[in-house]
Amino acid sequence: MIRLLLALLLFATASAAGATASGADLLARCGAYEKSLQNQKLSAEEALDAMWCMGYISGLLDGFGVSDFRIGEAIAVCPPEAAISRHKALAIILRWLRDNPQEHANSGRRSAILALARAYPCKP
């Protein structure tokens, strides 16, 4: 059983690593993580999606932290003094995706930065 789960995890990670996540992917896969936060039971596939989502959000925040939330030369997001938690970022991104279905075909990175820029705008 453990070997099967490890094989599934490796397959899911390898296939996800080669593809760019869309806004629709984030909404679908991160919904599983949201479900886990509500203490709902997850299927094996949902558990993998939840792990993928937290890895994606963590990597996204780490990457943005290194580049100061920049798009080109402009700083797009001005977070509060304290770092944005993964849970807070996830809630902001999922809410934005649900409110903006026209963005689902765009990249997850673009969707995330637009959502966070709306939540934490930079003052001119």
PDB file of N, CA and C in Angstrom:
ATOM      1  N   MET A   1       0.825  -1.197   0.000  1.00  0.00           N
ATOM      2  CA  MET A   1       0.000   0.000   0.000  1.00  0.00           C
ATOM      3  C   MET A   1       0.871   1.264   0.000  1.00  0.00           C
ATOM      4  N   ILE A   2       1.916   1.254   0.821  1.00  0.00           N
ATOM      5  CA  ILE A   2       2.798   2.419   0.900  1.00  0.00           C
ATOM      6  C   ILE A   2       3.508   2.624  -0.433  1.00  0.00           C
ATOM      7  N   ARG A   3       3.920   1.529  -1.074  1.00  0.00           N
ATOM      8  CA  ARG A   3       4.583   1.644  -2.376  1.00  0.00           C
ATOM      9  C   ARG A   3       3.655   2.258  -3.407  1.00  0.00           C
ATOM     10  N   LEU A   4       2.395   1.863  -3.372  1.00  0.00           N
ATOM     11  CA  LEU A   4       1.416   2.420  -4.313  1.00  0.00           C
ATOM     12  C   LEU A   4       1.245   3.918  -4.090  1.00  0.00           C
ATOM     13  N   LEU A   5       1.136   4.330  -2.842  1.00  0.00           N
ATOM     14  CA  LEU A   5       0.986   5.758  -2.540  1.00  0.00           C
ATOM     15  C   LEU A   5       2.225   6.545  -2.962  1.00  0.00           C
ATOM     16  N   LEU A   6       3.404   5.993  -2.719  1.00  0.00           N
ATOM     17  CA  LEU A   6       4.629   6.669  -3.140  1.00  0.00           C
ATOM     18  C   LEU A   6       4.707   6.777  -4.660  1.00  0.00           C
ATOM     19  N   ALA A   7       4.310   5.713  -5.356  1.00  0.00           N
ATOM     20  CA  ALA A   7       4.314   5.745  -6.823  1.00  0.00           C
ATOM     21  C   ALA A   7       3.341   6.795  -7.338  1.00  0.00           C
ATOM     22  N   LEU A   8       2.171   6.857  -6.735  1.00  0.00           N
ATOM     23  CA  LEU A   8       1.185   7.866  -7.136  1.00  0.00           C
ATOM     24  C   LEU A   8       1.708   9.275  -6.867  1.00  0.00           C
ATOM     25  N   LEU A   9       2.342   9.459  -5.729  1.00  0.00           N
ATOM     26  CA  LEU A   9       2.890  10.766  -5.387  1.00  0.00           C
ATOM     27  C   LEU A   9       3.977  11.175  -6.368  1.00  0.00           C
ATOM     28  N   LEU A  10       4.875  10.260  -6.699  1.00  0.00           N
ATOM     29  CA  LEU A  10       5.929  10.565  -7.655  1.00  0.00           C
ATOM     30  C   LEU A  10       5.359  10.875  -9.037  1.00  0.00           C
ATOM     31  N   PHE A  11       4.355  10.111  -9.457  1.00  0.00           N
ATOM     32  CA  PHE A  11       3.731  10.359 -10.757  1.00  0.00           C
ATOM     33  C   PHE A  11       3.048  11.718 -10.776  1.00  0.00           C
ATOM     34  N   ALA A  12       2.306  12.023  -9.725  1.00  0.00           N
ATOM     35  CA  ALA A  12       1.596  13.308  -9.666  1.00  0.00           C
ATOM     36  C   ALA A  12       2.583  14.463  -9.651  1.00  0.00           C
ATOM     37  N   THR A  13       3.670  14.325  -8.909  1.00  0.00           N
ATOM     38  CA  THR A  13       4.668  15.380  -8.832  1.00  0.00           C
ATOM     39  C   THR A  13       5.371  15.563 -10.166  1.00  0.00           C
ATOM     40  N   ALA A  14       5.733  14.474 -10.808  1.00  0.00           N
ATOM     41  CA  ALA A  14       6.434  14.563 -12.092  1.00  0.00           C
ATOM     42  C   ALA A  14       5.556  15.164 -13.164  1.00  0.00           C
ATOM     43  N   SER A  15       4.286  14.769 -13.222  1.00  0.00           N
ATOM     44  CA  SER A  15       3.410  15.317 -14.255  1.00  0.00           C
ATOM     45  C   SER A  15       3.071  16.774 -13.975  1.00  0.00           C
ATOM     46  N   ALA A  16       2.949  17.152 -12.720  1.00  0.00           N
ATOM     47  CA  ALA A  16       2.640  18.545 -12.395  1.00  0.00           C
ATOM     48  C   ALA A  16       3.834  19.452 -12.623  1.00  0.00           C
ATOM     49  N   ALA A  17       5.041  18.917 -12.416  1.00  0.00           N
ATOM     50  CA  ALA A  17       6.236  19.747 -12.556  1.00  0.00           C
ATOM     51  C   ALA A  17       6.462  20.178 -14.001  1.00  0.00           C
ATOM     52  N   GLY A  18       6.029  19.361 -14.953  1.00  0.00           N
ATOM     53  CA  GLY A  18       6.264  19.675 -16.350  1.00  0.00           C
ATOM     54  C   GLY A  18       5.232  20.593 -16.953  1.00  0.00           C
ATOM     55  N   ALA A  19       4.183  20.876 -16.248  1.00  0.00           N
ATOM     56  CA  ALA A  19       3.103  21.687 -16.795  1.00  0.00           C
ATOM     57  C   ALA A  19       2.941  22.965 -15.996  1.00  0.00           C
ATOM     58  N   THR A  20       2.482  23.985 -16.685  1.00  0.00           N
ATOM     59  CA  THR A  20       2.187  25.233 -16.010  1.00  0.00           C
ATOM     60  C   THR A  20       0.755  25.163 -15.487  1.00  0.00           C
ATOM     61  N   ALA A  21       0.580  25.480 -14.239  1.00  0.00           N
ATOM     62  CA  ALA A  21      -0.748  25.444 -13.631  1.00  0.00           C
ATOM     63  C   ALA A  21      -1.550  26.659 -14.081  1.00  0.00           C
ATOM     64  N   SER A  22      -2.804  26.426 -14.414  1.00  0.00           N
ATOM     65  CA  SER A  22      -3.706  27.519 -14.771  1.00  0.00           C
ATOM     66  C   SER A  22      -4.486  27.940 -13.526  1.00  0.00           C
ATOM     67  N   GLY A  23      -5.222  29.014 -13.671  1.00  0.00           N
ATOM     68  CA  GLY A  23      -6.101  29.436 -12.585  1.00  0.00           C
ATOM     69  C   GLY A  23      -7.118  28.359 -12.256  1.00  0.00           C
ATOM     70  N   ALA A  24      -7.631  27.680 -13.291  1.00  0.00           N
ATOM     71  CA  ALA A  24      -8.591  26.598 -13.082  1.00  0.00           C
ATOM     72  C   ALA A  24      -7.950  25.452 -12.310  1.00  0.00           C
ATOM     73  N   ASP A  25      -6.675  25.148 -12.618  1.00  0.00           N
ATOM     74  CA  ASP A  25      -5.958  24.104 -11.886  1.00  0.00           C
ATOM     75  C   ASP A  25      -5.846  24.467 -10.407  1.00  0.00           C
ATOM     76  N   LEU A  26      -5.472  25.705 -10.143  1.00  0.00           N
ATOM     77  CA  LEU A  26      -5.349  26.147  -8.748  1.00  0.00           C
ATOM     78  C   LEU A  26      -6.677  26.020  -8.022  1.00  0.00           C
ATOM     79  N   LEU A  27      -7.735  26.479  -8.658  1.00  0.00           N
ATOM     80  CA  LEU A  27      -9.052  26.428  -8.026  1.00  0.00           C
ATOM     81  C   LEU A  27      -9.454  24.994  -7.721  1.00  0.00           C
ATOM     82  N   ALA A  28      -9.258  24.103  -8.685  1.00  0.00           N
ATOM     83  CA  ALA A  28      -9.656  22.710  -8.499  1.00  0.00           C
ATOM     84  C   ALA A  28      -8.774  22.004  -7.463  1.00  0.00           C
ATOM     85  N   ARG A  29      -7.474  22.113  -7.620  1.00  0.00           N
ATOM     86  CA  ARG A  29      -6.569  21.358  -6.751  1.00  0.00           C
ATOM     87  C   ARG A  29      -6.478  21.956  -5.356  1.00  0.00           C
ATOM     88  N   CYS A  30      -6.547  23.264  -5.253  1.00  0.00           N
ATOM     89  CA  CYS A  30      -6.446  23.890  -3.931  1.00  0.00           C
ATOM     90  C   CYS A  30      -7.762  23.798  -3.162  1.00  0.00           C
ATOM     91  N   GLY A  31      -8.833  23.494  -3.864  1.00  0.00           N
ATOM     92  CA  GLY A  31     -10.100  23.247  -3.176  1.00  0.00           C
ATOM     93  C   GLY A  31      -9.974  22.071  -2.221  1.00  0.00           C
ATOM     94  N   ALA A  32      -9.135  21.106  -2.581  1.00  0.00           N
ATOM     95  CA  ALA A  32      -8.908  19.948  -1.713  1.00  0.00           C
ATOM     96  C   ALA A  32      -8.220  20.373  -0.420  1.00  0.00           C
ATOM     97  N   TYR A  33      -7.259  21.279  -0.522  1.00  0.00           N
ATOM     98  CA  TYR A  33      -6.589  21.748   0.690  1.00  0.00           C
ATOM     99  C   TYR A  33      -7.566  22.532   1.567  1.00  0.00           C
ATOM    100  N   GLU A  34      -8.375  23.335   0.928  1.00  0.00           N
ATOM    101  CA  GLU A  34      -9.393  24.101   1.657  1.00  0.00           C
ATOM    102  C   GLU A  34     -10.332  23.144   2.401  1.00  0.00           C
ATOM    103  N   LYS A  35     -10.686  22.069   1.727  1.00  0.00           N
ATOM    104  CA  LYS A  35     -11.553  21.049   2.330  1.00  0.00           C
ATOM    105  C   LYS A  35     -10.888  20.433   3.555  1.00  0.00           C
ATOM    106  N   SER A  36      -9.571  20.194   3.464  1.00  0.00           N
ATOM    107  CA  SER A  36      -8.857  19.608   4.604  1.00  0.00           C
ATOM    108  C   SER A  36      -8.823  20.558   5.798  1.00  0.00           C
ATOM    109  N   LEU A  37      -8.771  21.859   5.527  1.00  0.00           N
ATOM    110  CA  LEU A  37      -8.778  22.839   6.614  1.00  0.00           C
ATOM    111  C   LEU A  37     -10.099  22.838   7.381  1.00  0.00           C
ATOM    112  N   GLN A  38     -11.151  22.355   6.708  1.00  0.00           N
ATOM    113  CA  GLN A  38     -12.470  22.260   7.344  1.00  0.00           C
ATOM    114  C   GLN A  38     -12.682  20.884   7.975  1.00  0.00           C
ATOM    115  N   ASN A  39     -11.568  20.147   8.119  1.00  0.00           N
ATOM    116  CA  ASN A  39     -11.583  18.806   8.718  1.00  0.00           C
ATOM    117  C   ASN A  39     -12.492  17.832   7.992  1.00  0.00           C
ATOM    118  N   GLN A  40     -12.632  17.994   6.686  1.00  0.00           N
ATOM    119  CA  GLN A  40     -13.400  17.051   5.881  1.00  0.00           C
ATOM    120  C   GLN A  40     -12.476  15.951   5.401  1.00  0.00           C
ATOM    121  N   LYS A  41     -13.005  14.757   5.295  1.00  0.00           N
ATOM    122  CA  LYS A  41     -12.213  13.610   4.846  1.00  0.00           C
ATOM    123  C   LYS A  41     -11.877  13.771   3.368  1.00  0.00           C
ATOM    124  N   LEU A  42     -10.609  13.478   3.026  1.00  0.00           N
ATOM    125  CA  LEU A  42     -10.140  13.595   1.651  1.00  0.00           C
ATOM    126  C   LEU A  42      -9.926  12.219   1.048  1.00  0.00           C
ATOM    127  N   SER A  43     -10.227  12.101  -0.237  1.00  0.00           N
ATOM    128  CA  SER A  43      -9.872  10.887  -0.971  1.00  0.00           C
ATOM    129  C   SER A  43      -8.357  10.907  -1.189  1.00  0.00           C
ATOM    130  N   ALA A  44      -7.806   9.795  -1.670  1.00  0.00           N
ATOM    131  CA  ALA A  44      -6.364   9.741  -1.942  1.00  0.00           C
ATOM    132  C   ALA A  44      -5.978  10.792  -2.978  1.00  0.00           C
ATOM    133  N   GLU A  45      -6.788  10.961  -4.007  1.00  0.00           N
ATOM    134  CA  GLU A  45      -6.503  11.963  -5.040  1.00  0.00           C
ATOM    135  C   GLU A  45      -6.574  13.378  -4.467  1.00  0.00           C
ATOM    136  N   GLU A  46      -7.563  13.630  -3.626  1.00  0.00           N
ATOM    137  CA  GLU A  46      -7.673  14.955  -3.000  1.00  0.00           C
ATOM    138  C   GLU A  46      -6.486  15.223  -2.077  1.00  0.00           C
ATOM    139  N   ALA A  47      -6.007  14.201  -1.380  1.00  0.00           N
ATOM    140  CA  ALA A  47      -4.848  14.379  -0.507  1.00  0.00           C
ATOM    141  C   ALA A  47      -3.623  14.782  -1.329  1.00  0.00           C
ATOM    142  N   LEU A  48      -3.439  14.151  -2.488  1.00  0.00           N
ATOM    143  CA  LEU A  48      -2.334  14.527  -3.374  1.00  0.00           C
ATOM    144  C   LEU A  48      -2.511  15.957  -3.883  1.00  0.00           C
ATOM    145  N   ASP A  49      -3.747  16.318  -4.244  1.00  0.00           N
ATOM    146  CA  ASP A  49      -4.015  17.682  -4.696  1.00  0.00           C
ATOM    147  C   ASP A  49      -3.724  18.697  -3.600  1.00  0.00           C
ATOM    148  N   ALA A  50      -4.112  18.370  -2.371  1.00  0.00           N
ATOM    149  CA  ALA A  50      -3.870  19.277  -1.246  1.00  0.00           C
ATOM    150  C   ALA A  50      -2.373  19.477  -1.026  1.00  0.00           C
ATOM    151  N   MET A  51      -1.597  18.382  -1.123  1.00  0.00           N
ATOM    152  CA  MET A  51      -0.138  18.498  -0.965  1.00  0.00           C
ATOM    153  C   MET A  51       0.459  19.311  -2.109  1.00  0.00           C
ATOM    154  N   TRP A  52      -0.009  19.079  -3.334  1.00  0.00           N
ATOM    155  CA  TRP A  52       0.470  19.839  -4.492  1.00  0.00           C
ATOM    156  C   TRP A  52       0.188  21.323  -4.287  1.00  0.00           C
ATOM    157  N   CYS A  53      -1.017  21.626  -3.839  1.00  0.00           N
ATOM    158  CA  CYS A  53      -1.427  23.017  -3.643  1.00  0.00           C
ATOM    159  C   CYS A  53      -0.534  23.721  -2.639  1.00  0.00           C
ATOM    160  N   MET A  54      -0.271  23.096  -1.505  1.00  0.00           N
ATOM    161  CA  MET A  54       0.546  23.759  -0.490  1.00  0.00           C
ATOM    162  C   MET A  54       1.971  23.922  -0.989  1.00  0.00           C
ATOM    163  N   GLY A  55       2.466  22.961  -1.750  1.00  0.00           N
ATOM    164  CA  GLY A  55       3.789  23.117  -2.343  1.00  0.00           C
ATOM    165  C   GLY A  55       3.824  24.252  -3.340  1.00  0.00           C
ATOM    166  N   TYR A  56       2.763  24.361  -4.139  1.00  0.00           N
ATOM    167  CA  TYR A  56       2.683  25.419  -5.147  1.00  0.00           C
ATOM    168  C   TYR A  56       2.618  26.793  -4.481  1.00  0.00           C
ATOM    169  N   ILE A  57       1.736  26.933  -3.503  1.00  0.00           N
ATOM    170  CA  ILE A  57       1.570  28.217  -2.815  1.00  0.00           C
ATOM    171  C   ILE A  57       2.859  28.586  -2.073  1.00  0.00           C
ATOM    172  N   SER A  58       3.492  27.608  -1.420  1.00  0.00           N
ATOM    173  CA  SER A  58       4.750  27.880  -0.707  1.00  0.00           C
ATOM    174  C   SER A  58       5.825  28.345  -1.676  1.00  0.00           C
ATOM    175  N   GLY A  59       5.958  27.648  -2.796  1.00  0.00           N
ATOM    176  CA  GLY A  59       6.950  28.034  -3.799  1.00  0.00           C
ATOM    177  C   GLY A  59       6.671  29.400  -4.380  1.00  0.00           C
ATOM    178  N   LEU A  60       5.403  29.666  -4.603  1.00  0.00           N
ATOM    179  CA  LEU A  60       4.986  30.961  -5.145  1.00  0.00           C
ATOM    180  C   LEU A  60       5.360  32.087  -4.189  1.00  0.00           C
ATOM    181  N   LEU A  61       5.033  31.920  -2.916  1.00  0.00           N
ATOM    182  CA  LEU A  61       5.355  32.956  -1.926  1.00  0.00           C
ATOM    183  C   LEU A  61       6.861  33.108  -1.754  1.00  0.00           C
ATOM    184  N   ASP A  62       7.581  31.988  -1.752  1.00  0.00           N
ATOM    185  CA  ASP A  62       9.044  32.071  -1.651  1.00  0.00           C
ATOM    186  C   ASP A  62       9.617  32.796  -2.856  1.00  0.00           C
ATOM    187  N   GLY A  63       9.133  32.471  -4.036  1.00  0.00           N
ATOM    188  CA  GLY A  63       9.608  33.124  -5.255  1.00  0.00           C
ATOM    189  C   GLY A  63       9.287  34.603  -5.268  1.00  0.00           C
ATOM    190  N   PHE A  64       8.073  34.942  -4.871  1.00  0.00           N
ATOM    191  CA  PHE A  64       7.704  36.352  -4.816  1.00  0.00           C
ATOM    192  C   PHE A  64       8.531  37.074  -3.765  1.00  0.00           C
ATOM    193  N   GLY A  65       8.834  36.400  -2.660  1.00  0.00           N
ATOM    194  CA  GLY A  65       9.646  37.017  -1.618  1.00  0.00           C
ATOM    195  C   GLY A  65      11.031  37.374  -2.120  1.00  0.00           C
ATOM    196  N   VAL A  66      11.600  36.535  -2.954  1.00  0.00           N
ATOM    197  CA  VAL A  66      12.922  36.792  -3.519  1.00  0.00           C
ATOM    198  C   VAL A  66      12.875  37.947  -4.510  1.00  0.00           C
ATOM    199  N   SER A  67      11.785  38.019  -5.259  1.00  0.00           N
ATOM    200  CA  SER A  67      11.698  39.065  -6.292  1.00  0.00           C
ATOM    201  C   SER A  67      10.850  40.257  -5.856  1.00  0.00           C
ATOM    202  N   ASP A  68      10.514  40.335  -4.590  1.00  0.00           N
ATOM    203  CA  ASP A  68       9.730  41.458  -4.056  1.00  0.00           C
ATOM    204  C   ASP A  68       8.404  41.672  -4.779  1.00  0.00           C
ATOM    205  N   PHE A  69       7.754  40.582  -5.165  1.00  0.00           N
ATOM    206  CA  PHE A  69       6.445  40.658  -5.820  1.00  0.00           C
ATOM    207  C   PHE A  69       6.486  41.580  -7.036  1.00  0.00           C
ATOM    208  N   ARG A  70       7.500  41.462  -7.837  1.00  0.00           N
ATOM    209  CA  ARG A  70       7.666  42.320  -9.014  1.00  0.00           C
ATOM    210  C   ARG A  70       7.059  41.699 -10.256  1.00  0.00           C
ATOM    211  N   ILE A  71       6.547  42.581 -11.100  1.00  0.00           N
ATOM    212  CA  ILE A  71       6.200  42.230 -12.470  1.00  0.00           C
ATOM    213  C   ILE A  71       7.035  43.186 -13.307  1.00  0.00           C
ATOM    214  N   GLY A  72       8.063  42.647 -13.941  1.00  0.00           N
ATOM    215  CA  GLY A  72       9.001  43.519 -14.634  1.00  0.00           C
ATOM    216  C   GLY A  72       9.740  44.346 -13.596  1.00  0.00           C
ATOM    217  N   GLU A  73       9.738  45.648 -13.779  1.00  0.00           N
ATOM    218  CA  GLU A  73      10.411  46.549 -12.837  1.00  0.00           C
ATOM    219  C   GLU A  73       9.487  47.045 -11.728  1.00  0.00           C
ATOM    220  N   ALA A  74       8.189  46.872 -11.909  1.00  0.00           N
ATOM    221  CA  ALA A  74       7.223  47.414 -10.950  1.00  0.00           C
ATOM    222  C   ALA A  74       6.930  46.420  -9.828  1.00  0.00           C
ATOM    223  N   ILE A  75       6.842  46.929  -8.626  1.00  0.00           N
ATOM    224  CA  ILE A  75       6.410  46.102  -7.495  1.00  0.00           C
ATOM    225  C   ILE A  75       4.888  46.073  -7.527  1.00  0.00           C
ATOM    226  N   ALA A  76       4.332  44.864  -7.599  1.00  0.00           N
ATOM    227  CA  ALA A  76       2.891  44.709  -7.766  1.00  0.00           C
ATOM    228  C   ALA A  76       2.154  44.491  -6.453  1.00  0.00           C
ATOM    229  N   VAL A  77       2.823  43.933  -5.473  1.00  0.00           N
ATOM    230  CA  VAL A  77       2.185  43.592  -4.201  1.00  0.00           C
ATOM    231  C   VAL A  77       3.008  44.193  -3.068  1.00  0.00           C
ATOM    232  N   CYS A  78       2.338  44.868  -2.160  1.00  0.00           N
ATOM    233  CA  CYS A  78       3.001  45.430  -0.989  1.00  0.00           C
ATOM    234  C   CYS A  78       2.377  44.807   0.265  1.00  0.00           C
ATOM    235  N   PRO A  79       2.891  43.638   0.653  1.00  0.00           N
ATOM    236  CA  PRO A  79       2.312  42.946   1.800  1.00  0.00           C
ATOM    237  C   PRO A  79       2.588  43.691   3.095  1.00  0.00           C
ATOM    238  N   PRO A  80       1.849  43.340   4.136  1.00  0.00           N
ATOM    239  CA  PRO A  80       2.098  43.966   5.433  1.00  0.00           C
ATOM    240  C   PRO A  80       3.490  43.588   5.929  1.00  0.00           C
ATOM    241  N   GLU A  81       3.916  44.229   6.978  1.00  0.00           N
ATOM    242  CA  GLU A  81       5.246  44.002   7.545  1.00  0.00           C
ATOM    243  C   GLU A  81       5.478  42.516   7.839  1.00  0.00           C
ATOM    244  N   ALA A  82       4.487  41.876   8.414  1.00  0.00           N
ATOM    245  CA  ALA A  82       4.583  40.435   8.669  1.00  0.00           C
ATOM    246  C   ALA A  82       4.362  39.701   7.345  1.00  0.00           C
ATOM    247  N   ALA A  83       4.996  38.570   7.195  1.00  0.00           N
ATOM    248  CA  ALA A  83       4.860  37.801   5.957  1.00  0.00           C
ATOM    249  C   ALA A  83       3.421  37.324   5.766  1.00  0.00           C
ATOM    250  N   ILE A  84       3.044  37.122   4.529  1.00  0.00           N
ATOM    251  CA  ILE A  84       1.721  36.573   4.218  1.00  0.00           C
ATOM    252  C   ILE A  84       1.801  35.065   4.443  1.00  0.00           C
ATOM    253  N   SER A  85       0.909  34.535   5.260  1.00  0.00           N
ATOM    254  CA  SER A  85       0.921  33.091   5.507  1.00  0.00           C
ATOM    255  C   SER A  85       0.367  32.351   4.294  1.00  0.00           C
ATOM    256  N   ARG A  86       0.732  31.089   4.173  1.00  0.00           N
ATOM    257  CA  ARG A  86       0.212  30.269   3.073  1.00  0.00           C
ATOM    258  C   ARG A  86      -1.300  30.211   3.118  1.00  0.00           C
ATOM    259  N   HIS A  87      -1.849  30.053   4.319  1.00  0.00           N
ATOM    260  CA  HIS A  87      -3.301  29.931   4.455  1.00  0.00           C
ATOM    261  C   HIS A  87      -4.006  31.208   4.013  1.00  0.00           C
ATOM    262  N   LYS A  88      -3.458  32.351   4.411  1.00  0.00           N
ATOM    263  CA  LYS A  88      -4.039  33.639   4.031  1.00  0.00           C
ATOM    264  C   LYS A  88      -3.919  33.843   2.524  1.00  0.00           C
ATOM    265  N   ALA A  89      -2.744  33.551   1.966  1.00  0.00           N
ATOM    266  CA  ALA A  89      -2.556  33.695   0.521  1.00  0.00           C
ATOM    267  C   ALA A  89      -3.514  32.791  -0.241  1.00  0.00           C
ATOM    268  N   LEU A  90      -3.649  31.555   0.216  1.00  0.00           N
ATOM    269  CA  LEU A  90      -4.559  30.617  -0.446  1.00  0.00           C
ATOM    270  C   LEU A  90      -5.991  31.137  -0.427  1.00  0.00           C
ATOM    271  N   ALA A  91      -6.441  31.629   0.714  1.00  0.00           N
ATOM    272  CA  ALA A  91      -7.807  32.150   0.818  1.00  0.00           C
ATOM    273  C   ALA A  91      -8.016  33.324  -0.145  1.00  0.00           C
ATOM    274  N   ILE A  92      -7.051  34.215  -0.218  1.00  0.00           N
ATOM    275  CA  ILE A  92      -7.135  35.382  -1.101  1.00  0.00           C
ATOM    276  C   ILE A  92      -7.186  34.939  -2.559  1.00  0.00           C
ATOM    277  N   ILE A  93      -6.311  34.021  -2.938  1.00  0.00           N
ATOM    278  CA  ILE A  93      -6.230  33.566  -4.321  1.00  0.00           C
ATOM    279  C   ILE A  93      -7.492  32.816  -4.733  1.00  0.00           C
ATOM    280  N   LEU A  94      -7.973  31.903  -3.885  1.00  0.00           N
ATOM    281  CA  LEU A  94      -9.184  31.145  -4.227  1.00  0.00           C
ATOM    282  C   LEU A  94     -10.412  32.049  -4.312  1.00  0.00           C
ATOM    283  N   ARG A  95     -10.522  33.006  -3.394  1.00  0.00           N
ATOM    284  CA  ARG A  95     -11.653  33.942  -3.440  1.00  0.00           C
ATOM    285  C   ARG A  95     -11.618  34.724  -4.751  1.00  0.00           C
ATOM    286  N   TRP A  96     -10.435  35.194  -5.127  1.00  0.00           N
ATOM    287  CA  TRP A  96     -10.285  35.974  -6.355  1.00  0.00           C
ATOM    288  C   TRP A  96     -10.625  35.129  -7.579  1.00  0.00           C
ATOM    289  N   LEU A  97     -10.173  33.884  -7.606  1.00  0.00           N
ATOM    290  CA  LEU A  97     -10.476  33.000  -8.734  1.00  0.00           C
ATOM    291  C   LEU A  97     -11.971  32.712  -8.833  1.00  0.00           C
ATOM    292  N   ARG A  98     -12.618  32.534  -7.704  1.00  0.00           N
ATOM    293  CA  ARG A  98     -14.077  32.292  -7.724  1.00  0.00           C
ATOM    294  C   ARG A  98     -14.828  33.535  -8.213  1.00  0.00           C
ATOM    295  N   ASP A  99     -14.320  34.712  -7.886  1.00  0.00           N
ATOM    296  CA  ASP A  99     -14.964  35.957  -8.302  1.00  0.00           C
ATOM    297  C   ASP A  99     -14.612  36.361  -9.733  1.00  0.00           C
ATOM    298  N   ASN A 100     -13.593  35.744 -10.326  1.00  0.00           N
ATOM    299  CA  ASN A 100     -13.119  36.116 -11.664  1.00  0.00           C
ATOM    300  C   ASN A 100     -12.954  34.887 -12.561  1.00  0.00           C
ATOM    301  N   PRO A 101     -14.048  34.215 -12.896  1.00  0.00           N
ATOM    302  CA  PRO A 101     -13.947  32.989 -13.705  1.00  0.00           C
ATOM    303  C   PRO A 101     -13.331  33.227 -15.078  1.00  0.00           C
ATOM    304  N   GLN A 102     -13.370  34.445 -15.570  1.00  0.00           N
ATOM    305  CA  GLN A 102     -12.765  34.742 -16.871  1.00  0.00           C
ATOM    306  C   GLN A 102     -11.248  34.573 -16.835  1.00  0.00           C
ATOM    307  N   GLU A 103     -10.669  34.510 -15.663  1.00  0.00           N
ATOM    308  CA  GLU A 103      -9.218  34.373 -15.506  1.00  0.00           C
ATOM    309  C   GLU A 103      -8.752  32.920 -15.395  1.00  0.00           C
ATOM    310  N   HIS A 104      -9.666  31.970 -15.378  1.00  0.00           N
ATOM    311  CA  HIS A 104      -9.307  30.577 -15.126  1.00  0.00           C
ATOM    312  C   HIS A 104      -8.339  29.996 -16.155  1.00  0.00           C
ATOM    313  N   ALA A 105      -8.383  30.478 -17.380  1.00  0.00           N
ATOM    314  CA  ALA A 105      -7.500  29.936 -18.425  1.00  0.00           C
ATOM    315  C   ALA A 105      -6.082  30.513 -18.333  1.00  0.00           C
ATOM    316  N   ASN A 106      -5.903  31.589 -17.624  1.00  0.00           N
ATOM    317  CA  ASN A 106      -4.578  32.208 -17.484  1.00  0.00           C
ATOM    318  C   ASN A 106      -3.726  31.417 -16.501  1.00  0.00           C
ATOM    319  N   SER A 107      -2.451  31.736 -16.440  1.00  0.00           N
ATOM    320  CA  SER A 107      -1.548  30.993 -15.561  1.00  0.00           C
ATOM    321  C   SER A 107      -1.908  31.213 -14.091  1.00  0.00           C
ATOM    322  N   GLY A 108      -1.632  30.201 -13.302  1.00  0.00           N
ATOM    323  CA  GLY A 108      -1.872  30.300 -11.869  1.00  0.00           C
ATOM    324  C   GLY A 108      -1.024  31.390 -11.237  1.00  0.00           C
ATOM    325  N   ARG A 109       0.200  31.546 -11.726  1.00  0.00           N
ATOM    326  CA  ARG A 109       1.086  32.595 -11.200  1.00  0.00           C
ATOM    327  C   ARG A 109       0.465  33.972 -11.420  1.00  0.00           C
ATOM    328  N   ARG A 110      -0.043  34.195 -12.646  1.00  0.00           N
ATOM    329  CA  ARG A 110      -0.680  35.479 -12.963  1.00  0.00           C
ATOM    330  C   ARG A 110      -1.891  35.697 -12.066  1.00  0.00           C
ATOM    331  N   SER A 111      -2.702  34.666 -11.923  1.00  0.00           N
ATOM    332  CA  SER A 111      -3.891  34.766 -11.077  1.00  0.00           C
ATOM    333  C   SER A 111      -3.511  35.088  -9.645  1.00  0.00           C
ATOM    334  N   ALA A 112      -2.473  34.422  -9.141  1.00  0.00           N
ATOM    335  CA  ALA A 112      -2.045  34.646  -7.762  1.00  0.00           C
ATOM    336  C   ALA A 112      -1.564  36.067  -7.553  1.00  0.00           C
ATOM    337  N   ILE A 113      -0.759  36.566  -8.462  1.00  0.00           N
ATOM    338  CA  ILE A 113      -0.214  37.910  -8.270  1.00  0.00           C
ATOM    339  C   ILE A 113      -1.312  38.966  -8.409  1.00  0.00           C
ATOM    340  N   LEU A 114      -2.271  38.750  -9.315  1.00  0.00           N
ATOM    341  CA  LEU A 114      -3.382  39.701  -9.420  1.00  0.00           C
ATOM    342  C   LEU A 114      -4.229  39.689  -8.152  1.00  0.00           C
ATOM    343  N   ALA A 115      -4.471  38.504  -7.621  1.00  0.00           N
ATOM    344  CA  ALA A 115      -5.259  38.406  -6.385  1.00  0.00           C
ATOM    345  C   ALA A 115      -4.553  39.084  -5.223  1.00  0.00           C
ATOM    346  N   LEU A 116      -3.266  38.810  -5.077  1.00  0.00           N
ATOM    347  CA  LEU A 116      -2.506  39.401  -3.975  1.00  0.00           C
ATOM    348  C   LEU A 116      -2.314  40.903  -4.162  1.00  0.00           C
ATOM    349  N   ALA A 117      -2.189  41.358  -5.405  1.00  0.00           N
ATOM    350  CA  ALA A 117      -2.061  42.799  -5.671  1.00  0.00           C
ATOM    351  C   ALA A 117      -3.339  43.536  -5.292  1.00  0.00           C
ATOM    352  N   ARG A 118      -4.475  42.898  -5.471  1.00  0.00           N
ATOM    353  CA  ARG A 118      -5.740  43.529  -5.079  1.00  0.00           C
ATOM    354  C   ARG A 118      -5.883  43.558  -3.554  1.00  0.00           C
ATOM    355  N   ALA A 119      -5.383  42.504  -2.904  1.00  0.00           N
ATOM    356  CA  ALA A 119      -5.485  42.428  -1.440  1.00  0.00           C
ATOM    357  C   ALA A 119      -4.465  43.329  -0.749  1.00  0.00           C
ATOM    358  N   TYR A 120      -3.282  43.466  -1.374  1.00  0.00           N
ATOM    359  CA  TYR A 120      -2.201  44.258  -0.780  1.00  0.00           C
ATOM    360  C   TYR A 120      -1.641  45.232  -1.825  1.00  0.00           C
ATOM    361  N   PRO A 121      -2.433  46.240  -2.190  1.00  0.00           N
ATOM    362  CA  PRO A 121      -1.961  47.176  -3.227  1.00  0.00           C
ATOM    363  C   PRO A 121      -0.835  48.059  -2.697  1.00  0.00           C
ATOM    364  N   CYS A 122       0.010  48.463  -3.609  1.00  0.00           N
ATOM    365  CA  CYS A 122       1.090  49.391  -3.261  1.00  0.00           C
ATOM    366  C   CYS A 122       0.536  50.823  -3.352  1.00  0.00           C
ATOM    367  N   LYS A 123       0.907  51.628  -2.409  1.00  0.00           N
ATOM    368  CA  LYS A 123       0.469  53.023  -2.429  1.00  0.00           C
ATOM    369  C   LYS A 123       1.432  53.817  -3.307  1.00  0.00           C
ATOM    370  N   PRO A 124       0.895  54.688  -4.178  1.00  0.00           N
ATOM    371  CA  PRO A 124       1.781  55.466  -5.048  1.00  0.00           C
ATOM    372  C   PRO A 124       2.631  56.466  -4.298  1.00  0.00           C
TER     373      PRO A 124
END
